[in-house]
């Protein structure tokens, strides 16, 4: 069994230039964005040997209204630790449990690891990740999509009023966040991410040439948008929004096909479509229709003895009740957005 140690993440970044190809959520840019917005204390577990970069797991210490908890990783679609063997991951998670024995620990793993259940981690939720292969000719990419996707793209392409545009500015973020606010409060009945969080994508990714804010316009009206990030040879479909009133014009299919073609032309290997909760069957079908290949994401959680589950449930119910009041139609968007600024950090 390997011996492990815990280090401050920034120190580890500085000493090792830590990076893994296509691992967006382990990049310095992503971690810096989350840390700046929410103030989490990030650390890393590495091997106690001369080459610690061979195996590593990043996590955040979170101390809030829910108590002390470890999250790997907050506000990230999944975790892909630099510990390629399953037994190493189990060893790391066991080490983490021993070091933080009175903290809850949540590990959102891109994959499945039943061995964790033998060391008191419970599988509490399942999801899937989709990735679209961008290698090949445009005709080959088109052939991998479903007939339903093809039909929707063709329908959209016939509409001369539809067009795509990239707007990598604060104004682009403003438009994106307004669409986001409308979609989350009207369709999903939840608060939007803080505008400040979205603006940080400009600093950490967009202005560095590592992403784009794509839009679909109907004449001059923005009706769909996608925030696409780049990490090495992969694209990441990090956030997407659309206007429900214009879905009949298929702006999402139209926009995503343009993104797929652009990624292919630039030589990217795949487009990561991110996490879909297992019960979001419509979203999963849509990602399947683009030729997305599914892989599992599993949430594993360690709960220490004596942890007050009832208290946690009451806090969640309180947040849910407050959210329900704040997203009512008569509440101005400005209030809804400010509520997101105050409360969203508790949803990690």
Protein backbone atom coordinates (compact mmCIF):
# COMPACT_ATOMS: atom_id res chain seq x y z
CA UNK A 1 0.00 0.00 0.00
CA UNK A 2 1.25 3.46 -0.88
CA UNK A 3 1.93 6.13 1.72
CA UNK A 4 0.18 9.43 1.16
CA UNK A 5 0.57 13.01 2.29
CA UNK A 6 -1.57 16.14 2.07
CA UNK A 7 -0.21 19.39 0.65
CA UNK A 8 -1.65 22.86 -0.05
CA UNK A 9 -2.69 22.77 -3.69
CA UNK A 10 -1.09 26.07 -4.72
CA UNK A 11 2.27 24.92 -3.34
CA UNK A 12 1.94 21.68 -5.26
CA UNK A 13 1.05 23.53 -8.47
CA UNK A 14 4.10 25.77 -8.09
CA UNK A 15 6.50 22.91 -7.44
CA UNK A 16 5.25 20.40 -9.99
CA UNK A 17 3.59 22.39 -12.74
CA UNK A 18 0.79 19.90 -12.23
CA UNK A 19 -1.32 19.20 -15.28
CA UNK A 20 -3.00 16.25 -16.91
CA UNK A 21 -3.98 16.28 -20.57
CA UNK A 22 -7.67 17.09 -21.06
CA UNK A 23 -8.33 17.19 -17.30
CA UNK A 24 -10.22 20.48 -17.11
CA UNK A 25 -11.27 20.14 -13.48
CA UNK A 26 -7.68 19.55 -12.33
CA UNK A 27 -6.36 22.57 -14.21
CA UNK A 28 -4.94 25.61 -12.43
CA UNK A 29 -7.44 27.81 -14.28
CA UNK A 30 -10.48 25.88 -13.08
CA UNK A 31 -9.35 25.56 -9.47
CA UNK A 32 -8.42 29.26 -9.36
CA UNK A 33 -11.86 30.21 -10.67
CA UNK A 34 -13.69 28.15 -8.02
CA UNK A 35 -11.38 29.32 -5.24
CA UNK A 36 -11.78 33.00 -6.12
CA UNK A 37 -15.56 32.76 -6.30
CA UNK A 38 -16.29 30.66 -3.23
CA UNK A 39 -13.15 30.84 -1.08
CA UNK A 40 -12.71 27.10 -0.62
CA UNK A 41 -9.41 25.81 0.75
CA UNK A 42 -8.04 23.37 -1.83
CA UNK A 43 -5.54 20.66 -0.99
CA UNK A 44 -4.05 17.67 -2.75
CA UNK A 45 -3.15 14.15 -1.68
CA UNK A 46 0.04 12.80 -3.26
CA UNK A 47 2.46 9.92 -2.79
CA UNK A 48 5.30 10.25 -0.30
CA UNK A 49 8.04 9.68 -2.85
CA UNK A 50 10.20 11.75 -5.22
CA UNK A 51 7.55 11.76 -7.96
CA UNK A 52 4.30 12.87 -6.33
CA UNK A 53 2.80 14.02 -9.61
CA UNK A 54 2.29 10.38 -10.61
CA UNK A 55 -0.74 10.07 -8.34
CA UNK A 56 -2.85 12.84 -6.90
CA UNK A 57 -6.37 13.69 -5.76
CA UNK A 58 -7.54 17.28 -5.35
CA UNK A 59 -10.21 18.17 -2.81
CA UNK A 60 -11.69 21.19 -1.05
CA UNK A 61 -12.25 21.75 2.66
CA UNK A 62 -15.69 23.29 3.12
CA UNK A 63 -16.86 24.57 6.51
CA UNK A 64 -20.35 26.10 6.31
CA UNK A 65 -23.91 25.75 7.58
CA UNK A 66 -23.78 22.02 6.86
CA UNK A 67 -20.70 21.61 9.04
CA UNK A 68 -17.27 20.39 8.02
CA UNK A 69 -17.14 18.51 4.75
CA UNK A 70 -14.69 17.41 2.10
CA UNK A 71 -15.77 17.78 -1.53
CA UNK A 72 -13.90 16.46 -4.54
CA UNK A 73 -14.55 18.59 -6.44
CA UNK A 74 -17.05 21.39 -5.72
CA UNK A 75 -19.02 22.70 -8.70
CA UNK A 76 -17.24 20.29 -11.04
CA UNK A 77 -18.85 17.65 -13.23
CA UNK A 78 -16.61 14.89 -11.96
CA UNK A 79 -13.24 13.97 -10.47
CA UNK A 80 -10.54 12.14 -12.42
CA UNK A 81 -7.73 11.67 -9.89
CA UNK A 82 -4.18 11.12 -11.03
CA UNK A 83 -4.18 7.66 -9.49
CA UNK A 84 -4.77 5.41 -12.41
CA UNK A 85 -5.15 2.13 -10.52
CA UNK A 86 -8.41 1.52 -8.70
CA UNK A 87 -6.63 0.25 -5.59
CA UNK A 88 -4.71 3.52 -5.39
CA UNK A 89 -7.94 5.49 -5.40
CA UNK A 90 -9.37 3.28 -2.66
CA UNK A 91 -6.18 3.74 -0.66
CA UNK A 92 -6.33 7.52 -1.07
CA UNK A 93 -10.00 7.70 -0.03
CA UNK A 94 -9.30 5.51 2.99
CA UNK A 95 -6.40 7.79 3.95
CA UNK A 96 -8.66 10.83 3.53
CA UNK A 97 -11.32 9.25 5.77
CA UNK A 98 -8.73 8.59 8.49
CA UNK A 99 -7.37 12.14 8.35
CA UNK A 100 -10.83 13.75 8.36
CA UNK A 101 -12.65 11.17 10.45
CA UNK A 102 -15.36 13.57 11.69
CA UNK A 103 -16.00 15.27 8.31
CA UNK A 104 -18.41 14.13 5.60
CA UNK A 105 -16.60 13.29 2.37
CA UNK A 106 -18.15 13.42 -1.11
CA UNK A 107 -16.24 11.97 -4.05
CA UNK A 108 -17.80 12.47 -7.52
CA UNK A 109 -15.95 9.88 -9.57
CA UNK A 110 -15.83 9.59 -13.36
CA UNK A 111 -16.24 5.85 -13.32
CA UNK A 112 -17.45 3.23 -10.90
CA UNK A 113 -15.59 1.89 -7.89
CA UNK A 114 -17.55 -0.62 -5.82
CA UNK A 115 -14.53 -1.25 -3.60
CA UNK A 116 -15.18 2.09 -1.90
CA UNK A 117 -18.31 0.63 -0.33
CA UNK A 118 -16.09 -1.75 1.62
CA UNK A 119 -14.50 1.20 3.44
CA UNK A 120 -17.78 2.90 4.44
CA UNK A 121 -18.37 5.03 1.36
CA UNK A 122 -21.94 4.76 0.07
CA UNK A 123 -22.94 5.21 -3.55
CA UNK A 124 -25.57 7.94 -3.12
CA UNK A 125 -26.23 9.02 -6.71
CA UNK A 126 -25.52 8.11 -10.32
CA UNK A 127 -25.05 10.24 -13.41
CA UNK A 128 -23.51 9.95 -16.85
CA UNK A 129 -20.98 11.88 -18.89
CA UNK A 130 -21.20 12.13 -22.68
CA UNK A 131 -18.31 12.72 -25.05
CA UNK A 132 -18.60 13.34 -28.77
CA UNK A 133 -15.69 12.08 -30.86
CA UNK A 134 -14.46 14.96 -33.05
CA UNK A 135 -11.92 12.94 -35.03
CA UNK A 136 -12.76 12.25 -38.65
CA UNK A 137 -14.36 14.09 -41.53
CA UNK A 138 -17.42 16.27 -41.09
CA UNK A 139 -19.41 13.62 -42.96
CA UNK A 140 -18.25 11.01 -40.45
CA UNK A 141 -19.28 13.22 -37.53
CA UNK A 142 -22.66 13.77 -39.19
CA UNK A 143 -23.14 10.03 -39.65
CA UNK A 144 -22.65 9.46 -35.90
CA UNK A 145 -25.63 11.66 -35.04
CA UNK A 146 -29.19 10.34 -34.85
CA UNK A 147 -31.85 10.90 -37.49
CA UNK A 148 -33.71 13.10 -35.01
CA UNK A 149 -30.66 15.32 -34.51
CA UNK A 150 -30.05 15.55 -38.26
CA UNK A 151 -33.66 16.48 -38.87
CA UNK A 152 -33.58 19.22 -36.23
CA UNK A 153 -30.35 20.70 -37.65
CA UNK A 154 -31.75 20.69 -41.19
CA UNK A 155 -34.96 22.35 -39.97
CA UNK A 156 -32.94 25.08 -38.23
CA UNK A 157 -30.66 25.61 -41.23
CA UNK A 158 -33.66 26.38 -43.43
CA UNK A 159 -34.55 29.32 -41.19
CA UNK A 160 -32.73 32.32 -42.66
CA UNK A 161 -33.31 34.30 -39.47
CA UNK A 162 -31.10 31.93 -37.41
CA UNK A 163 -27.40 32.59 -37.09
CA UNK A 164 -24.53 31.85 -34.70
CA UNK A 165 -22.08 34.30 -33.19
CA UNK A 166 -19.24 34.22 -30.66
CA UNK A 167 -19.24 37.10 -28.14
CA UNK A 168 -16.25 36.83 -25.81
CA UNK A 169 -16.90 39.99 -23.82
CA UNK A 170 -18.59 41.13 -20.61
CA UNK A 171 -21.63 41.91 -22.72
CA UNK A 172 -21.62 38.28 -23.86
CA UNK A 173 -21.63 37.18 -20.23
CA UNK A 174 -24.46 39.61 -19.45
CA UNK A 175 -26.59 38.12 -22.24
CA UNK A 176 -25.67 34.58 -21.21
CA UNK A 177 -26.48 35.17 -17.55
CA UNK A 178 -29.88 36.67 -18.32
CA UNK A 179 -30.76 33.58 -20.37
CA UNK A 180 -29.44 31.45 -17.52
CA UNK A 181 -31.56 33.28 -14.93
CA UNK A 182 -34.71 32.87 -17.02
CA UNK A 183 -34.11 29.19 -17.71
CA UNK A 184 -33.20 28.15 -14.17
CA UNK A 185 -36.04 29.96 -12.45
CA UNK A 186 -38.77 29.11 -14.97
CA UNK A 187 -37.89 25.54 -16.02
CA UNK A 188 -35.83 24.12 -13.15
CA UNK A 189 -37.18 26.21 -10.24
CA UNK A 190 -33.69 26.89 -8.90
CA UNK A 191 -31.44 29.89 -8.45
CA UNK A 192 -28.92 30.85 -11.14
CA UNK A 193 -25.19 30.73 -10.59
CA UNK A 194 -23.79 34.12 -9.54
CA UNK A 195 -23.00 36.51 -12.36
CA UNK A 196 -19.56 36.98 -10.80
CA UNK A 197 -18.94 33.25 -11.29
CA UNK A 198 -19.74 33.55 -15.00
CA UNK A 199 -17.59 36.66 -15.36
CA UNK A 200 -14.60 34.76 -13.98
CA UNK A 201 -14.66 32.56 -17.08
CA UNK A 202 -13.47 35.61 -19.02
CA UNK A 203 -10.43 36.06 -16.80
CA UNK A 204 -9.41 32.43 -16.40
CA UNK A 205 -10.33 30.99 -19.81
CA UNK A 206 -11.86 33.21 -22.49
CA UNK A 207 -9.29 36.03 -22.43
CA UNK A 208 -6.53 33.41 -22.50
CA UNK A 209 -7.88 31.95 -25.72
CA UNK A 210 -9.14 28.85 -23.90
CA UNK A 211 -12.83 29.06 -24.66
CA UNK A 212 -15.71 30.83 -26.37
CA UNK A 213 -19.22 32.04 -25.58
CA UNK A 214 -21.37 30.83 -28.47
CA UNK A 215 -24.81 32.23 -29.27
CA UNK A 216 -27.69 31.40 -31.55
CA UNK A 217 -29.63 34.49 -32.62
CA UNK A 218 -33.08 34.82 -34.17
CA UNK A 219 -32.56 38.12 -35.97
CA UNK A 220 -31.06 40.18 -33.13
CA UNK A 221 -32.60 38.19 -30.28
CA UNK A 222 -30.32 35.70 -28.44
CA UNK A 223 -32.26 32.44 -28.04
CA UNK A 224 -29.54 29.94 -27.06
CA UNK A 225 -25.98 30.04 -25.76
CA UNK A 226 -23.18 27.67 -24.81
CA UNK A 227 -20.04 28.31 -22.78
CA UNK A 228 -17.32 26.15 -24.33
CA UNK A 229 -13.96 25.72 -22.57
CA UNK A 230 -10.74 24.27 -23.96
CA UNK A 231 -8.19 22.08 -22.18
CA UNK A 232 -5.39 20.66 -24.29
CA UNK A 233 -7.00 18.52 -27.02
CA UNK A 234 -10.56 18.54 -25.63
CA UNK A 235 -13.53 20.91 -25.62
CA UNK A 236 -15.91 21.13 -22.66
CA UNK A 237 -19.57 22.09 -23.00
CA UNK A 238 -19.56 23.65 -19.54
CA UNK A 239 -22.81 25.59 -19.39
CA UNK A 240 -25.68 25.96 -21.84
CA UNK A 241 -28.92 27.93 -21.86
CA UNK A 242 -31.82 28.57 -24.20
CA UNK A 243 -35.06 30.49 -24.42
CA UNK A 244 -37.93 28.04 -23.96
CA UNK A 245 -40.21 30.07 -26.24
CA UNK A 246 -37.94 29.47 -29.24
CA UNK A 247 -37.16 25.75 -28.87
CA UNK A 248 -39.44 24.93 -31.81
CA UNK A 249 -36.80 26.50 -34.06
CA UNK A 250 -34.17 23.98 -32.80
CA UNK A 251 -31.53 26.54 -31.78
CA UNK A 252 -29.67 24.05 -29.53
CA UNK A 253 -29.21 21.53 -32.33
CA UNK A 254 -28.21 24.32 -34.69
CA UNK A 255 -25.68 25.76 -32.24
CA UNK A 256 -24.17 22.44 -31.18
CA UNK A 257 -23.64 21.27 -34.73
CA UNK A 258 -21.71 24.48 -35.44
CA UNK A 259 -19.63 23.89 -32.28
CA UNK A 260 -18.94 20.29 -33.31
CA UNK A 261 -17.82 21.35 -36.79
CA UNK A 262 -15.63 24.12 -35.35
CA UNK A 263 -13.99 21.74 -32.89
CA UNK A 264 -13.33 19.24 -35.65
CA UNK A 265 -11.80 21.92 -37.90
CA UNK A 266 -9.47 23.04 -35.09
CA UNK A 267 -8.27 19.49 -34.46
CA UNK A 268 -9.80 18.79 -31.05
CA UNK A 269 -10.23 15.13 -30.12
CA UNK A 270 -13.61 15.26 -28.42
CA UNK A 271 -16.35 17.47 -27.00
CA UNK A 272 -17.18 16.68 -23.38
CA UNK A 273 -20.90 17.34 -22.87
CA UNK A 274 -20.62 17.13 -19.10
CA UNK A 275 -22.76 15.59 -16.40
CA UNK A 276 -26.39 14.52 -16.72
CA UNK A 277 -28.24 13.23 -13.68
CA UNK A 278 -29.55 9.74 -14.39
CA UNK A 279 -33.19 10.85 -14.08
CA UNK A 280 -32.78 13.60 -16.70
CA UNK A 281 -33.81 11.22 -19.46
CA UNK A 282 -34.65 13.94 -21.99
CA UNK A 283 -31.22 15.55 -21.63
CA UNK A 284 -29.53 12.16 -21.91
CA UNK A 285 -31.44 11.35 -25.11
CA UNK A 286 -30.43 14.72 -26.55
CA UNK A 287 -26.75 14.10 -25.84
CA UNK A 288 -27.06 10.57 -27.22
CA UNK A 289 -28.52 12.04 -30.41
CA UNK A 290 -25.32 14.01 -31.06
CA UNK A 291 -23.29 10.81 -31.06
CA UNK A 292 -22.25 11.28 -27.44
CA UNK A 293 -20.82 8.15 -25.83
CA UNK A 294 -21.93 7.57 -22.25
CA UNK A 295 -19.64 6.80 -19.33
CA UNK A 296 -20.76 6.54 -15.68
CA UNK A 297 -20.33 9.11 -12.93
CA UNK A 298 -20.90 7.92 -9.37
CA UNK A 299 -21.22 9.94 -6.18
CA UNK A 300 -19.64 8.26 -3.17
CA UNK A 301 -20.12 9.63 0.33
CA UNK A 302 -18.58 8.89 3.70
CA UNK A 303 -20.64 9.96 6.72
CA UNK A 304 -18.90 9.82 10.12
CA UNK A 305 -20.53 8.13 13.09
CA UNK A 306 -22.76 10.46 15.04
CA UNK A 307 -23.32 12.80 12.08
CA UNK A 308 -26.65 14.58 12.40
CA UNK A 309 -28.46 13.55 9.22
CA UNK A 310 -31.72 15.03 10.48
CA UNK A 311 -30.12 18.47 10.89
CA UNK A 312 -28.71 18.28 7.38
CA UNK A 313 -32.15 17.47 6.01
CA UNK A 314 -33.71 20.43 7.79
CA UNK A 315 -31.11 22.80 6.33
CA UNK A 316 -31.71 21.44 2.83
CA UNK A 317 -35.45 21.87 3.26
CA UNK A 318 -34.91 25.42 4.47
CA UNK A 319 -32.76 26.29 1.43
CA UNK A 320 -35.31 24.66 -0.85
CA UNK A 321 -38.14 26.65 0.74
CA UNK A 322 -36.29 29.94 0.49
CA UNK A 323 -35.42 29.19 -3.13
CA UNK A 324 -39.05 28.47 -3.87
CA UNK A 325 -40.06 31.87 -2.55
CA UNK A 326 -37.32 33.72 -4.42
CA UNK A 327 -38.04 32.29 -7.87
CA UNK A 328 -41.73 33.23 -7.92
CA UNK A 329 -42.72 35.15 -11.10
CA UNK A 330 -43.36 38.40 -9.24
CA UNK A 331 -39.79 38.53 -7.87
CA UNK A 332 -37.53 40.77 -10.04
CA UNK A 333 -34.58 39.13 -11.78
CA UNK A 334 -32.21 41.41 -9.88
CA UNK A 335 -33.40 39.94 -6.56
CA UNK A 336 -33.19 36.39 -7.90
CA UNK A 337 -29.64 36.99 -9.10
CA UNK A 338 -28.59 38.53 -5.78
CA UNK A 339 -30.07 35.54 -3.97
CA UNK A 340 -27.91 33.31 -6.16
CA UNK A 341 -24.88 35.34 -5.14
CA UNK A 342 -25.65 34.74 -1.46
CA UNK A 343 -26.85 31.13 -1.46
CA UNK A 344 -25.34 29.27 -4.40
CA UNK A 345 -22.13 28.38 -2.54
CA UNK A 346 -24.12 26.02 -0.30
CA UNK A 347 -25.16 23.85 -3.25
CA UNK A 348 -21.75 22.31 -3.90
